[in-house]
Amino acid sequence: MSTKPKEPRKRKWRYIFWRGAVFWGISTALLYQAMMLFFGNVSLVGFIVSMIAFPLAGIFFGLLMWRRSGTDL
């Protein structure tokens, strides 16, 4: 086992990617599409756009959460 600590920069982008793009972005996109299905406004283009736009917005969300929590994670 290596006792070398992870590089803070690498840890930062991993946090932003997983917490922002994956957990927030994709889950929000799927929730949005479920609501559109419920209201009867479903299209393939809308699905593709939401699966791109929400994870991109999730990157900014993850960055905001990283800055608010401090860089000592």
PDB file of N, CA and C in Angstrom:
ATOM      1  N   MET A   1       0.827  -1.180   0.000  1.00  0.00           N
ATOM      2  CA  MET A   1       0.000   0.000   0.000  1.00  0.00           C
ATOM      3  C   MET A   1       0.871   1.241   0.000  1.00  0.00           C
ATOM      4  N   SER A   2       0.430   2.186  -0.733  1.00  0.00           N
ATOM      5  CA  SER A   2       1.153   3.446  -0.810  1.00  0.00           C
ATOM      6  C   SER A   2       0.586   4.427   0.212  1.00  0.00           C
ATOM      7  N   THR A   3       1.480   5.078   0.926  1.00  0.00           N
ATOM      8  CA  THR A   3       1.034   6.075   1.904  1.00  0.00           C
ATOM      9  C   THR A   3       1.161   7.481   1.354  1.00  0.00           C
ATOM     10  N   LYS A   4       1.511   7.578   0.074  1.00  0.00           N
ATOM     11  CA  LYS A   4       1.662   8.889  -0.548  1.00  0.00           C
ATOM     12  C   LYS A   4       0.284   9.532  -0.723  1.00  0.00           C
ATOM     13  N   PRO A   5       0.107  10.761  -0.225  1.00  0.00           N
ATOM     14  CA  PRO A   5      -1.207  11.419  -0.379  1.00  0.00           C
ATOM     15  C   PRO A   5      -1.494  11.747  -1.836  1.00  0.00           C
ATOM     16  N   LYS A   6      -2.772  11.750  -2.159  1.00  0.00           N
ATOM     17  CA  LYS A   6      -3.168  12.096  -3.526  1.00  0.00           C
ATOM     18  C   LYS A   6      -2.877  13.562  -3.796  1.00  0.00           C
ATOM     19  N   GLU A   7      -2.622  13.832  -5.034  1.00  0.00           N
ATOM     20  CA  GLU A   7      -2.376  15.207  -5.461  1.00  0.00           C
ATOM     21  C   GLU A   7      -3.644  16.036  -5.265  1.00  0.00           C
ATOM     22  N   PRO A   8      -3.562  17.186  -4.585  1.00  0.00           N
ATOM     23  CA  PRO A   8      -4.774  17.981  -4.333  1.00  0.00           C
ATOM     24  C   PRO A   8      -5.511  18.398  -5.603  1.00  0.00           C
ATOM     25  N   ARG A   9      -4.778  18.715  -6.647  1.00  0.00           N
ATOM     26  CA  ARG A   9      -5.423  19.145  -7.886  1.00  0.00           C
ATOM     27  C   ARG A   9      -6.217  18.010  -8.526  1.00  0.00           C
ATOM     28  N   LYS A  10      -5.631  16.814  -8.513  1.00  0.00           N
ATOM     29  CA  LYS A  10      -6.308  15.651  -9.060  1.00  0.00           C
ATOM     30  C   LYS A  10      -7.561  15.333  -8.239  1.00  0.00           C
ATOM     31  N   ARG A  11      -7.439  15.456  -6.923  1.00  0.00           N
ATOM     32  CA  ARG A  11      -8.558  15.201  -6.035  1.00  0.00           C
ATOM     33  C   ARG A  11      -9.675  16.219  -6.269  1.00  0.00           C
ATOM     34  N   LYS A  12      -9.288  17.468  -6.528  1.00  0.00           N
ATOM     35  CA  LYS A  12     -10.271  18.521  -6.789  1.00  0.00           C
ATOM     36  C   LYS A  12     -11.099  18.195  -8.021  1.00  0.00           C
ATOM     37  N   TRP A  13     -10.471  17.853  -9.137  1.00  0.00           N
ATOM     38  CA  TRP A  13     -11.213  17.594 -10.366  1.00  0.00           C
ATOM     39  C   TRP A  13     -12.006  16.298 -10.302  1.00  0.00           C
ATOM     40  N   ARG A  14     -11.509  15.338  -9.545  1.00  0.00           N
ATOM     41  CA  ARG A  14     -12.283  14.108  -9.348  1.00  0.00           C
ATOM     42  C   ARG A  14     -13.553  14.422  -8.561  1.00  0.00           C
ATOM     43  N   TYR A  15     -13.440  15.254  -7.532  1.00  0.00           N
ATOM     44  CA  TYR A  15     -14.599  15.676  -6.739  1.00  0.00           C
ATOM     45  C   TYR A  15     -15.599  16.420  -7.619  1.00  0.00           C
ATOM     46  N   ILE A  16     -15.108  17.364  -8.420  1.00  0.00           N
ATOM     47  CA  ILE A  16     -15.988  18.156  -9.290  1.00  0.00           C
ATOM     48  C   ILE A  16     -16.689  17.263 -10.305  1.00  0.00           C
ATOM     49  N   PHE A  17     -15.956  16.327 -10.890  1.00  0.00           N
ATOM     50  CA  PHE A  17     -16.551  15.441 -11.891  1.00  0.00           C
ATOM     51  C   PHE A  17     -17.623  14.544 -11.274  1.00  0.00           C
ATOM     52  N   TRP A  18     -17.281  13.853 -10.180  1.00  0.00           N
ATOM     53  CA  TRP A  18     -18.229  12.898  -9.604  1.00  0.00           C
ATOM     54  C   TRP A  18     -19.401  13.577  -8.919  1.00  0.00           C
ATOM     55  N   ARG A  19     -19.128  14.565  -8.063  1.00  0.00           N
ATOM     56  CA  ARG A  19     -20.219  15.219  -7.330  1.00  0.00           C
ATOM     57  C   ARG A  19     -21.039  16.129  -8.230  1.00  0.00           C
ATOM     58  N   GLY A  20     -20.369  16.817  -9.154  1.00  0.00           N
ATOM     59  CA  GLY A  20     -21.069  17.770 -10.000  1.00  0.00           C
ATOM     60  C   GLY A  20     -21.686  17.144 -11.230  1.00  0.00           C
ATOM     61  N   ALA A  21     -20.828  16.669 -12.132  1.00  0.00           N
ATOM     62  CA  ALA A  21     -21.314  16.180 -13.424  1.00  0.00           C
ATOM     63  C   ALA A  21     -22.097  14.875 -13.304  1.00  0.00           C
ATOM     64  N   VAL A  22     -21.593  13.925 -12.543  1.00  0.00           N
ATOM     65  CA  VAL A  22     -22.247  12.619 -12.486  1.00  0.00           C
ATOM     66  C   VAL A  22     -23.437  12.626 -11.521  1.00  0.00           C
ATOM     67  N   PHE A  23     -23.174  12.905 -10.243  1.00  0.00           N
ATOM     68  CA  PHE A  23     -24.255  12.787  -9.255  1.00  0.00           C
ATOM     69  C   PHE A  23     -25.315  13.865  -9.411  1.00  0.00           C
ATOM     70  N   TRP A  24     -24.912  15.117  -9.598  1.00  0.00           N
ATOM     71  CA  TRP A  24     -25.910  16.180  -9.730  1.00  0.00           C
ATOM     72  C   TRP A  24     -26.417  16.284 -11.164  1.00  0.00           C
ATOM     73  N   GLY A  25     -25.518  16.350 -12.139  1.00  0.00           N
ATOM     74  CA  GLY A  25     -25.903  16.594 -13.527  1.00  0.00           C
ATOM     75  C   GLY A  25     -26.755  15.502 -14.146  1.00  0.00           C
ATOM     76  N   ILE A  26     -26.300  14.269 -14.046  1.00  0.00           N
ATOM     77  CA  ILE A  26     -27.041  13.172 -14.672  1.00  0.00           C
ATOM     78  C   ILE A  26     -28.333  12.891 -13.923  1.00  0.00           C
ATOM     79  N   SER A  27     -28.283  12.926 -12.588  1.00  0.00           N
ATOM     80  CA  SER A  27     -29.525  12.675 -11.848  1.00  0.00           C
ATOM     81  C   SER A  27     -30.557  13.772 -12.096  1.00  0.00           C
ATOM     82  N   THR A  28     -30.117  15.012 -12.218  1.00  0.00           N
ATOM     83  CA  THR A  28     -31.041  16.103 -12.516  1.00  0.00           C
ATOM     84  C   THR A  28     -31.605  15.969 -13.929  1.00  0.00           C
ATOM     85  N   ALA A  29     -30.767  15.571 -14.876  1.00  0.00           N
ATOM     86  CA  ALA A  29     -31.233  15.371 -16.253  1.00  0.00           C
ATOM     87  C   ALA A  29     -32.283  14.262 -16.308  1.00  0.00           C
ATOM     88  N   LEU A  30     -32.057  13.180 -15.591  1.00  0.00           N
ATOM     89  CA  LEU A  30     -33.030  12.081 -15.584  1.00  0.00           C
ATOM     90  C   LEU A  30     -34.327  12.491 -14.893  1.00  0.00           C
ATOM     91  N   LEU A  31     -34.212  13.250 -13.818  1.00  0.00           N
ATOM     92  CA  LEU A  31     -35.407  13.752 -13.141  1.00  0.00           C
ATOM     93  C   LEU A  31     -36.181  14.706 -14.046  1.00  0.00           C
ATOM     94  N   TYR A  32     -35.473  15.565 -14.748  1.00  0.00           N
ATOM     95  CA  TYR A  32     -36.102  16.498 -15.684  1.00  0.00           C
ATOM     96  C   TYR A  32     -36.827  15.734 -16.790  1.00  0.00           C
ATOM     97  N   GLN A  33     -36.189  14.708 -17.331  1.00  0.00           N
ATOM     98  CA  GLN A  33     -36.820  13.923 -18.392  1.00  0.00           C
ATOM     99  C   GLN A  33     -38.027  13.144 -17.868  1.00  0.00           C
ATOM    100  N   ALA A  34     -37.980  12.693 -16.622  1.00  0.00           N
ATOM    101  CA  ALA A  34     -39.137  12.010 -16.029  1.00  0.00           C
ATOM    102  C   ALA A  34     -40.311  12.978 -15.906  1.00  0.00           C
ATOM    103  N   MET A  35     -40.016  14.211 -15.526  1.00  0.00           N
ATOM    104  CA  MET A  35     -41.090  15.214 -15.444  1.00  0.00           C
ATOM    105  C   MET A  35     -41.644  15.525 -16.830  1.00  0.00           C
ATOM    106  N   MET A  36     -40.787  15.602 -17.836  1.00  0.00           N
ATOM    107  CA  MET A  36     -41.254  15.854 -19.201  1.00  0.00           C
ATOM    108  C   MET A  36     -42.100  14.687 -19.701  1.00  0.00           C
ATOM    109  N   LEU A  37     -41.743  13.477 -19.316  1.00  0.00           N
ATOM    110  CA  LEU A  37     -42.545  12.307 -19.676  1.00  0.00           C
ATOM    111  C   LEU A  37     -43.916  12.382 -19.019  1.00  0.00           C
ATOM    112  N   PHE A  38     -43.956  12.799 -17.783  1.00  0.00           N
ATOM    113  CA  PHE A  38     -45.221  12.943 -17.055  1.00  0.00           C
ATOM    114  C   PHE A  38     -46.119  13.992 -17.703  1.00  0.00           C
ATOM    115  N   PHE A  39     -45.525  15.094 -18.160  1.00  0.00           N
ATOM    116  CA  PHE A  39     -46.310  16.164 -18.778  1.00  0.00           C
ATOM    117  C   PHE A  39     -46.536  15.940 -20.274  1.00  0.00           C
ATOM    118  N   GLY A  40     -45.966  14.882 -20.833  1.00  0.00           N
ATOM    119  CA  GLY A  40     -46.215  14.519 -22.215  1.00  0.00           C
ATOM    120  C   GLY A  40     -45.389  15.273 -23.238  1.00  0.00           C
ATOM    121  N   ASN A  41     -44.284  15.827 -22.834  1.00  0.00           N
ATOM    122  CA  ASN A  41     -43.434  16.603 -23.746  1.00  0.00           C
ATOM    123  C   ASN A  41     -42.086  15.903 -23.887  1.00  0.00           C
ATOM    124  N   VAL A  42     -42.065  14.765 -24.602  1.00  0.00           N
ATOM    125  CA  VAL A  42     -40.856  13.951 -24.700  1.00  0.00           C
ATOM    126  C   VAL A  42     -40.345  13.962 -26.134  1.00  0.00           C
ATOM    127  N   SER A  43     -39.046  14.149 -26.280  1.00  0.00           N
ATOM    128  CA  SER A  43     -38.417  14.028 -27.600  1.00  0.00           C
ATOM    129  C   SER A  43     -36.996  13.534 -27.418  1.00  0.00           C
ATOM    130  N   LEU A  44     -36.474  12.901 -28.445  1.00  0.00           N
ATOM    131  CA  LEU A  44     -35.105  12.403 -28.395  1.00  0.00           C
ATOM    132  C   LEU A  44     -34.109  13.557 -28.331  1.00  0.00           C
ATOM    133  N   VAL A  45     -34.374  14.615 -29.063  1.00  0.00           N
ATOM    134  CA  VAL A  45     -33.489  15.783 -29.053  1.00  0.00           C
ATOM    135  C   VAL A  45     -33.455  16.404 -27.660  1.00  0.00           C
ATOM    136  N   GLY A  46     -34.617  16.510 -27.026  1.00  0.00           N
ATOM    137  CA  GLY A  46     -34.673  17.049 -25.666  1.00  0.00           C
ATOM    138  C   GLY A  46     -33.897  16.202 -24.686  1.00  0.00           C
ATOM    139  N   PHE A  47     -33.967  14.875 -24.845  1.00  0.00           N
ATOM    140  CA  PHE A  47     -33.220  13.971 -23.981  1.00  0.00           C
ATOM    141  C   PHE A  47     -31.722  14.163 -24.162  1.00  0.00           C
ATOM    142  N   ILE A  48     -31.283  14.227 -25.411  1.00  0.00           N
ATOM    143  CA  ILE A  48     -29.852  14.392 -25.694  1.00  0.00           C
ATOM    144  C   ILE A  48     -29.349  15.732 -25.169  1.00  0.00           C
ATOM    145  N   VAL A  49     -30.120  16.787 -25.404  1.00  0.00           N
ATOM    146  CA  VAL A  49     -29.713  18.117 -24.934  1.00  0.00           C
ATOM    147  C   VAL A  49     -29.621  18.142 -23.410  1.00  0.00           C
ATOM    148  N   SER A  50     -30.592  17.556 -22.726  1.00  0.00           N
ATOM    149  CA  SER A  50     -30.546  17.568 -21.262  1.00  0.00           C
ATOM    150  C   SER A  50     -29.418  16.700 -20.722  1.00  0.00           C
ATOM    151  N   MET A  51     -29.080  15.611 -21.405  1.00  0.00           N
ATOM    152  CA  MET A  51     -27.974  14.765 -20.958  1.00  0.00           C
ATOM    153  C   MET A  51     -26.612  15.406 -21.219  1.00  0.00           C
ATOM    154  N   ILE A  52     -26.572  16.447 -22.015  1.00  0.00           N
ATOM    155  CA  ILE A  52     -25.333  17.214 -22.216  1.00  0.00           C
ATOM    156  C   ILE A  52     -25.323  18.460 -21.337  1.00  0.00           C
ATOM    157  N   ALA A  53     -26.425  19.186 -21.330  1.00  0.00           N
ATOM    158  CA  ALA A  53     -26.472  20.475 -20.635  1.00  0.00           C
ATOM    159  C   ALA A  53     -26.399  20.332 -19.111  1.00  0.00           C
ATOM    160  N   PHE A  54     -27.135  19.398 -18.532  1.00  0.00           N
ATOM    161  CA  PHE A  54     -27.141  19.274 -17.076  1.00  0.00           C
ATOM    162  C   PHE A  54     -25.789  18.818 -16.520  1.00  0.00           C
ATOM    163  N   PRO A  55     -25.108  17.832 -17.122  1.00  0.00           N
ATOM    164  CA  PRO A  55     -23.770  17.512 -16.608  1.00  0.00           C
ATOM    165  C   PRO A  55     -22.763  18.662 -16.779  1.00  0.00           C
ATOM    166  N   LEU A  56     -22.890  19.436 -17.856  1.00  0.00           N
ATOM    167  CA  LEU A  56     -22.009  20.607 -17.991  1.00  0.00           C
ATOM    168  C   LEU A  56     -22.288  21.620 -16.886  1.00  0.00           C
ATOM    169  N   ALA A  57     -23.564  21.842 -16.589  1.00  0.00           N
ATOM    170  CA  ALA A  57     -23.902  22.722 -15.476  1.00  0.00           C
ATOM    171  C   ALA A  57     -23.450  22.103 -14.155  1.00  0.00           C
ATOM    172  N   GLY A  58     -23.444  20.782 -14.081  1.00  0.00           N
ATOM    173  CA  GLY A  58     -22.984  20.089 -12.886  1.00  0.00           C
ATOM    174  C   GLY A  58     -21.519  20.330 -12.591  1.00  0.00           C
ATOM    175  N   ILE A  59     -20.724  20.563 -13.627  1.00  0.00           N
ATOM    176  CA  ILE A  59     -19.313  20.887 -13.417  1.00  0.00           C
ATOM    177  C   ILE A  59     -19.202  22.196 -12.640  1.00  0.00           C
ATOM    178  N   PHE A  60     -19.997  23.168 -13.012  1.00  0.00           N
ATOM    179  CA  PHE A  60     -19.994  24.434 -12.285  1.00  0.00           C
ATOM    180  C   PHE A  60     -20.548  24.249 -10.871  1.00  0.00           C
ATOM    181  N   PHE A  61     -21.545  23.406 -10.722  1.00  0.00           N
ATOM    182  CA  PHE A  61     -22.094  23.106  -9.408  1.00  0.00           C
ATOM    183  C   PHE A  61     -21.030  22.446  -8.524  1.00  0.00           C
ATOM    184  N   GLY A  62     -20.307  21.477  -9.079  1.00  0.00           N
ATOM    185  CA  GLY A  62     -19.239  20.802  -8.336  1.00  0.00           C
ATOM    186  C   GLY A  62     -18.132  21.758  -7.948  1.00  0.00           C
ATOM    187  N   LEU A  63     -17.790  22.667  -8.852  1.00  0.00           N
ATOM    188  CA  LEU A  63     -16.770  23.669  -8.545  1.00  0.00           C
ATOM    189  C   LEU A  63     -17.233  24.586  -7.417  1.00  0.00           C
ATOM    190  N   LEU A  64     -18.483  24.985  -7.456  1.00  0.00           N
ATOM    191  CA  LEU A  64     -19.035  25.819  -6.397  1.00  0.00           C
ATOM    192  C   LEU A  64     -19.010  25.079  -5.054  1.00  0.00           C
ATOM    193  N   MET A  65     -19.394  23.811  -5.057  1.00  0.00           N
ATOM    194  CA  MET A  65     -19.380  23.032  -3.828  1.00  0.00           C
ATOM    195  C   MET A  65     -17.958  22.832  -3.305  1.00  0.00           C
ATOM    196  N   TRP A  66     -16.994  22.643  -4.199  1.00  0.00           N
ATOM    197  CA  TRP A  66     -15.597  22.499  -3.800  1.00  0.00           C
ATOM    198  C   TRP A  66     -15.108  23.777  -3.107  1.00  0.00           C
ATOM    199  N   ARG A  67     -15.441  24.907  -3.696  1.00  0.00           N
ATOM    200  CA  ARG A  67     -15.002  26.188  -3.112  1.00  0.00           C
ATOM    201  C   ARG A  67     -15.692  26.477  -1.790  1.00  0.00           C
ATOM    202  N   ARG A  68     -16.963  26.134  -1.679  1.00  0.00           N
ATOM    203  CA  ARG A  68     -17.694  26.400  -0.430  1.00  0.00           C
ATOM    204  C   ARG A  68     -17.235  25.485   0.686  1.00  0.00           C
ATOM    205  N   SER A  69     -16.806  24.258   0.361  1.00  0.00           N
ATOM    206  CA  SER A  69     -16.412  23.308   1.404  1.00  0.00           C
ATOM    207  C   SER A  69     -14.964  23.497   1.829  1.00  0.00           C
ATOM    208  N   GLY A  70     -14.192  24.228   1.055  1.00  0.00           N
ATOM    209  CA  GLY A  70     -12.771  24.386   1.356  1.00  0.00           C
ATOM    210  C   GLY A  70     -11.968  23.363   0.596  1.00  0.00           C
ATOM    211  N   THR A  71     -10.711  23.605   0.446  1.00  0.00           N
ATOM    212  CA  THR A  71      -9.853  22.722  -0.355  1.00  0.00           C
ATOM    213  C   THR A  71      -9.173  21.654   0.476  1.00  0.00           C
ATOM    214  N   ASP A  72      -9.624  21.417   1.695  1.00  0.00           N
ATOM    215  CA  ASP A  72      -8.977  20.431   2.537  1.00  0.00           C
ATOM    216  C   ASP A  72      -9.666  19.074   2.501  1.00  0.00           C
ATOM    217  N   LEU A  73     -10.481  18.801   1.488  1.00  0.00           N
ATOM    218  CA  LEU A  73     -11.162  17.515   1.386  1.00  0.00           C
ATOM    219  C   LEU A  73     -10.209  16.430   0.962  1.00  0.00           C
TER     220      LEU A  73
END
